[in-house]
PDB file of N, CA and C in Angstrom:
ATOM      1  N   MET A   1       4.335  -5.088   4.534  1.00  0.00           N
ATOM      2  CA  MET A   1       3.898  -5.152   3.166  1.00  0.00           C
ATOM      3  C   MET A   1       4.036  -6.591   2.668  1.00  0.00           C
ATOM      4  N   VAL A   2       3.060  -6.980   1.870  1.00  0.00           N
ATOM      5  CA  VAL A   2       3.078  -8.308   1.258  1.00  0.00           C
ATOM      6  C   VAL A   2       3.090  -8.109  -0.257  1.00  0.00           C
ATOM      7  N   PHE A   3       4.108  -8.635  -0.900  1.00  0.00           N
ATOM      8  CA  PHE A   3       4.271  -8.503  -2.346  1.00  0.00           C
ATOM      9  C   PHE A   3       3.820  -9.793  -3.023  1.00  0.00           C
ATOM     10  N   ARG A   4       3.042  -9.627  -4.098  1.00  0.00           N
ATOM     11  CA  ARG A   4       2.604 -10.792  -4.874  1.00  0.00           C
ATOM     12  C   ARG A   4       2.944 -10.528  -6.341  1.00  0.00           C
ATOM     13  N   GLN A   5       3.747 -11.405  -6.917  1.00  0.00           N
ATOM     14  CA  GLN A   5       4.092 -11.260  -8.323  1.00  0.00           C
ATOM     15  C   GLN A   5       2.892 -11.675  -9.159  1.00  0.00           C
ATOM     16  N   GLU A   6       2.538 -10.827 -10.108  1.00  0.00           N
ATOM     17  CA  GLU A   6       1.397 -11.101 -10.967  1.00  0.00           C
ATOM     18  C   GLU A   6       1.825 -11.945 -12.165  1.00  0.00           C
ATOM     19  N   VAL A   7       0.913 -12.723 -12.701  1.00  0.00           N
ATOM     20  CA  VAL A   7       1.201 -13.622 -13.813  1.00  0.00           C
ATOM     21  C   VAL A   7       1.634 -12.829 -15.050  1.00  0.00           C
ATOM     22  N   GLU A   8       0.901 -11.801 -15.389  1.00  0.00           N
ATOM     23  CA  GLU A   8       1.192 -11.010 -16.585  1.00  0.00           C
ATOM     24  C   GLU A   8       2.477 -10.199 -16.420  1.00  0.00           C
ATOM     25  N   ASN A   9       2.533  -9.390 -15.370  1.00  0.00           N
ATOM     26  CA  ASN A   9       3.714  -8.587 -15.063  1.00  0.00           C
ATOM     27  C   ASN A   9       3.472  -7.776 -13.794  1.00  0.00           C
ATOM     28  N   GLY A  10       4.527  -7.353 -13.167  1.00  0.00           N
ATOM     29  CA  GLY A  10       4.426  -6.472 -12.018  1.00  0.00           C
ATOM     30  C   GLY A  10       4.132  -7.178 -10.707  1.00  0.00           C
ATOM     31  N   PHE A  11       3.947  -6.332  -9.696  1.00  0.00           N
ATOM     32  CA  PHE A  11       3.742  -6.809  -8.337  1.00  0.00           C
ATOM     33  C   PHE A  11       2.607  -6.038  -7.682  1.00  0.00           C
ATOM     34  N   THR A  12       1.707  -6.759  -7.053  1.00  0.00           N
ATOM     35  CA  THR A  12       0.674  -6.157  -6.232  1.00  0.00           C
ATOM     36  C   THR A  12       1.173  -6.171  -4.802  1.00  0.00           C
ATOM     37  N   VAL A  13       0.925  -5.072  -4.088  1.00  0.00           N
ATOM     38  CA  VAL A  13       1.364  -4.957  -2.700  1.00  0.00           C
ATOM     39  C   VAL A  13       0.143  -4.683  -1.830  1.00  0.00           C
ATOM     40  N   THR A  14       0.007  -5.461  -0.762  1.00  0.00           N
ATOM     41  CA  THR A  14      -1.039  -5.199   0.221  1.00  0.00           C
ATOM     42  C   THR A  14      -0.374  -4.905   1.557  1.00  0.00           C
ATOM     43  N   VAL A  15      -1.130  -4.194   2.402  1.00  0.00           N
ATOM     44  CA  VAL A  15      -0.640  -3.844   3.729  1.00  0.00           C
ATOM     45  C   VAL A  15      -1.654  -4.393   4.728  1.00  0.00           C
ATOM     46  N   PRO A  16      -1.405  -5.576   5.271  1.00  0.00           N
ATOM     47  CA  PRO A  16      -2.385  -6.225   6.144  1.00  0.00           C
ATOM     48  C   PRO A  16      -2.833  -5.372   7.333  1.00  0.00           C
ATOM     49  N   ALA A  17      -1.955  -4.535   7.852  1.00  0.00           N
ATOM     50  CA  ALA A  17      -2.309  -3.693   9.004  1.00  0.00           C
ATOM     51  C   ALA A  17      -3.266  -2.571   8.619  1.00  0.00           C
ATOM     52  N   LEU A  18      -3.399  -2.308   7.315  1.00  0.00           N
ATOM     53  CA  LEU A  18      -4.264  -1.231   6.833  1.00  0.00           C
ATOM     54  C   LEU A  18      -5.231  -1.809   5.796  1.00  0.00           C
ATOM     55  N   PRO A  19      -6.376  -2.300   6.245  1.00  0.00           N
ATOM     56  CA  PRO A  19      -7.327  -2.944   5.335  1.00  0.00           C
ATOM     57  C   PRO A  19      -7.672  -2.059   4.130  1.00  0.00           C
ATOM     58  N   GLY A  20      -7.564  -2.644   2.959  1.00  0.00           N
ATOM     59  CA  GLY A  20      -7.889  -1.926   1.735  1.00  0.00           C
ATOM     60  C   GLY A  20      -6.734  -1.126   1.161  1.00  0.00           C
ATOM     61  N   CYS A  21      -5.598  -1.115   1.823  1.00  0.00           N
ATOM     62  CA  CYS A  21      -4.422  -0.402   1.322  1.00  0.00           C
ATOM     63  C   CYS A  21      -3.673  -1.336   0.378  1.00  0.00           C
ATOM     64  N   VAL A  22      -3.826  -1.057  -0.915  1.00  0.00           N
ATOM     65  CA  VAL A  22      -3.271  -1.915  -1.958  1.00  0.00           C
ATOM     66  C   VAL A  22      -2.596  -1.030  -2.994  1.00  0.00           C
ATOM     67  N   SER A  23      -1.495  -1.502  -3.544  1.00  0.00           N
ATOM     68  CA  SER A  23      -0.802  -0.757  -4.581  1.00  0.00           C
ATOM     69  C   SER A  23      -0.207  -1.735  -5.588  1.00  0.00           C
ATOM     70  N   PHE A  24       0.441  -1.177  -6.618  1.00  0.00           N
ATOM     71  CA  PHE A  24       0.997  -1.992  -7.691  1.00  0.00           C
ATOM     72  C   PHE A  24       2.216  -1.295  -8.264  1.00  0.00           C
ATOM     73  N   GLY A  25       3.179  -2.083  -8.714  1.00  0.00           N
ATOM     74  CA  GLY A  25       4.330  -1.554  -9.422  1.00  0.00           C
ATOM     75  C   GLY A  25       4.832  -2.571 -10.414  1.00  0.00           C
ATOM     76  N   GLU A  26       5.465  -2.085 -11.466  1.00  0.00           N
ATOM     77  CA  GLU A  26       5.969  -3.000 -12.490  1.00  0.00           C
ATOM     78  C   GLU A  26       7.224  -3.745 -12.040  1.00  0.00           C
ATOM     79  N   THR A  27       7.987  -3.156 -11.110  1.00  0.00           N
ATOM     80  CA  THR A  27       9.162  -3.812 -10.537  1.00  0.00           C
ATOM     81  C   THR A  27       8.988  -3.852  -9.028  1.00  0.00           C
ATOM     82  N   LEU A  28       9.806  -4.665  -8.350  1.00  0.00           N
ATOM     83  CA  LEU A  28       9.734  -4.702  -6.885  1.00  0.00           C
ATOM     84  C   LEU A  28      10.013  -3.331  -6.295  1.00  0.00           C
ATOM     85  N   GLU A  29      11.013  -2.650  -6.837  1.00  0.00           N
ATOM     86  CA  GLU A  29      11.375  -1.331  -6.317  1.00  0.00           C
ATOM     87  C   GLU A  29      10.231  -0.338  -6.495  1.00  0.00           C
ATOM     88  N   GLU A  30       9.620  -0.342  -7.674  1.00  0.00           N
ATOM     89  CA  GLU A  30       8.500   0.558  -7.928  1.00  0.00           C
ATOM     90  C   GLU A  30       7.309   0.199  -7.043  1.00  0.00           C
ATOM     91  N   ALA A  31       7.059  -1.089  -6.878  1.00  0.00           N
ATOM     92  CA  ALA A  31       5.950  -1.533  -6.032  1.00  0.00           C
ATOM     93  C   ALA A  31       6.148  -1.061  -4.595  1.00  0.00           C
ATOM     94  N   GLU A  32       7.373  -1.143  -4.104  1.00  0.00           N
ATOM     95  CA  GLU A  32       7.651  -0.696  -2.738  1.00  0.00           C
ATOM     96  C   GLU A  32       7.431   0.812  -2.602  1.00  0.00           C
ATOM     97  N   GLU A  33       7.927   1.578  -3.558  1.00  0.00           N
ATOM     98  CA  GLU A  33       7.744   3.031  -3.514  1.00  0.00           C
ATOM     99  C   GLU A  33       6.262   3.405  -3.593  1.00  0.00           C
ATOM    100  N   MET A  34       5.527   2.740  -4.468  1.00  0.00           N
ATOM    101  CA  MET A  34       4.095   3.014  -4.598  1.00  0.00           C
ATOM    102  C   MET A  34       3.346   2.647  -3.320  1.00  0.00           C
ATOM    103  N   ALA A  35       3.763   1.552  -2.681  1.00  0.00           N
ATOM    104  CA  ALA A  35       3.126   1.133  -1.435  1.00  0.00           C
ATOM    105  C   ALA A  35       3.401   2.144  -0.326  1.00  0.00           C
ATOM    106  N   LYS A  36       4.620   2.657  -0.257  1.00  0.00           N
ATOM    107  CA  LYS A  36       4.943   3.677   0.755  1.00  0.00           C
ATOM    108  C   LYS A  36       4.062   4.906   0.573  1.00  0.00           C
ATOM    109  N   GLU A  37       3.870   5.315  -0.662  1.00  0.00           N
ATOM    110  CA  GLU A  37       3.005   6.463  -0.941  1.00  0.00           C
ATOM    111  C   GLU A  37       1.558   6.152  -0.560  1.00  0.00           C
ATOM    112  N   ALA A  38       1.109   4.943  -0.880  1.00  0.00           N
ATOM    113  CA  ALA A  38      -0.262   4.544  -0.535  1.00  0.00           C
ATOM    114  C   ALA A  38      -0.461   4.548   0.977  1.00  0.00           C
ATOM    115  N   ILE A  39       0.539   4.103   1.720  1.00  0.00           N
ATOM    116  CA  ILE A  39       0.449   4.099   3.187  1.00  0.00           C
ATOM    117  C   ILE A  39       0.337   5.527   3.707  1.00  0.00           C
ATOM    118  N   GLU A  40       1.165   6.421   3.195  1.00  0.00           N
ATOM    119  CA  GLU A  40       1.113   7.815   3.623  1.00  0.00           C
ATOM    120  C   GLU A  40      -0.264   8.418   3.364  1.00  0.00           C
ATOM    121  N   LEU A  41      -0.809   8.181   2.173  1.00  0.00           N
ATOM    122  CA  LEU A  41      -2.126   8.716   1.834  1.00  0.00           C
ATOM    123  C   LEU A  41      -3.227   8.085   2.681  1.00  0.00           C
ATOM    124  N   TYR A  42      -3.108   6.813   2.954  1.00  0.00           N
ATOM    125  CA  TYR A  42      -4.084   6.101   3.787  1.00  0.00           C
ATOM    126  C   TYR A  42      -4.119   6.717   5.181  1.00  0.00           C
ATOM    127  N   LEU A  43      -2.934   6.905   5.770  1.00  0.00           N
ATOM    128  CA  LEU A  43      -2.855   7.471   7.115  1.00  0.00           C
ATOM    129  C   LEU A  43      -3.342   8.917   7.136  1.00  0.00           C
ATOM    130  N   GLU A  44      -3.025   9.666   6.108  1.00  0.00           N
ATOM    131  CA  GLU A  44      -3.497  11.049   6.003  1.00  0.00           C
ATOM    132  C   GLU A  44      -5.022  11.087   5.973  1.00  0.00           C
ATOM    133  N   SER A  45      -5.615  10.173   5.226  1.00  0.00           N
ATOM    134  CA  SER A  45      -7.069  10.099   5.141  1.00  0.00           C
ATOM    135  C   SER A  45      -7.690   9.760   6.498  1.00  0.00           C
ATOM    136  N   LEU A  46      -7.083   8.821   7.215  1.00  0.00           N
ATOM    137  CA  LEU A  46      -7.592   8.490   8.550  1.00  0.00           C
ATOM    138  C   LEU A  46      -7.586   9.726   9.443  1.00  0.00           C
ATOM    139  N   ARG A  47      -6.481  10.462   9.444  1.00  0.00           N
ATOM    140  CA  ARG A  47      -6.372  11.673  10.275  1.00  0.00           C
ATOM    141  C   ARG A  47      -7.428  12.701   9.889  1.00  0.00           C
ATOM    142  N   GLU A  48      -7.599  12.917   8.595  1.00  0.00           N
ATOM    143  CA  GLU A  48      -8.562  13.910   8.113  1.00  0.00           C
ATOM    144  C   GLU A  48      -9.991  13.569   8.514  1.00  0.00           C
ATOM    145  N   HIS A  49     -10.273  12.283   8.636  1.00  0.00           N
ATOM    146  CA  HIS A  49     -11.620  11.841   8.998  1.00  0.00           C
ATOM    147  C   HIS A  49     -11.769  11.573  10.494  1.00  0.00           C
ATOM    148  N   GLY A  50     -10.739  11.919  11.265  1.00  0.00           N
ATOM    149  CA  GLY A  50     -10.806  11.744  12.714  1.00  0.00           C
ATOM    150  C   GLY A  50     -10.813  10.304  13.166  1.00  0.00           C
ATOM    151  N   GLU A  51     -10.288   9.417  12.336  1.00  0.00           N
ATOM    152  CA  GLU A  51     -10.252   8.003  12.694  1.00  0.00           C
ATOM    153  C   GLU A  51      -8.923   7.660  13.344  1.00  0.00           C
ATOM    154  N   GLU A  52      -8.927   6.579  14.108  1.00  0.00           N
ATOM    155  CA  GLU A  52      -7.718   6.148  14.806  1.00  0.00           C
ATOM    156  C   GLU A  52      -6.653   5.652  13.823  1.00  0.00           C
ATOM    157  N   VAL A  53      -5.433   6.105  14.052  1.00  0.00           N
ATOM    158  CA  VAL A  53      -4.311   5.682  13.217  1.00  0.00           C
ATOM    159  C   VAL A  53      -3.633   4.508  13.902  1.00  0.00           C
ATOM    160  N   PRO A  54      -3.528   3.351  13.218  1.00  0.00           N
ATOM    161  CA  PRO A  54      -2.864   2.185  13.814  1.00  0.00           C
ATOM    162  C   PRO A  54      -1.386   2.470  14.114  1.00  0.00           C
ATOM    163  N   ARG A  55      -0.876   1.852  15.138  1.00  0.00           N
ATOM    164  CA  ARG A  55       0.541   2.040  15.488  1.00  0.00           C
ATOM    165  C   ARG A  55       1.397   0.998  14.814  1.00  0.00           C
TER     166      ARG A  55
END
């Protein structure tokens, strides 16, 4: 996960291993939790569509 502090407030999180997997949280802790959830949903979507899940 890559965390970027936003100018206004909060943190944007990207997951380079999962293109398009992006999340946001107002605190670092919230951003991390939101990113974990986004990763789970991303992987679930890949499985549902029969796509390869990265290791």
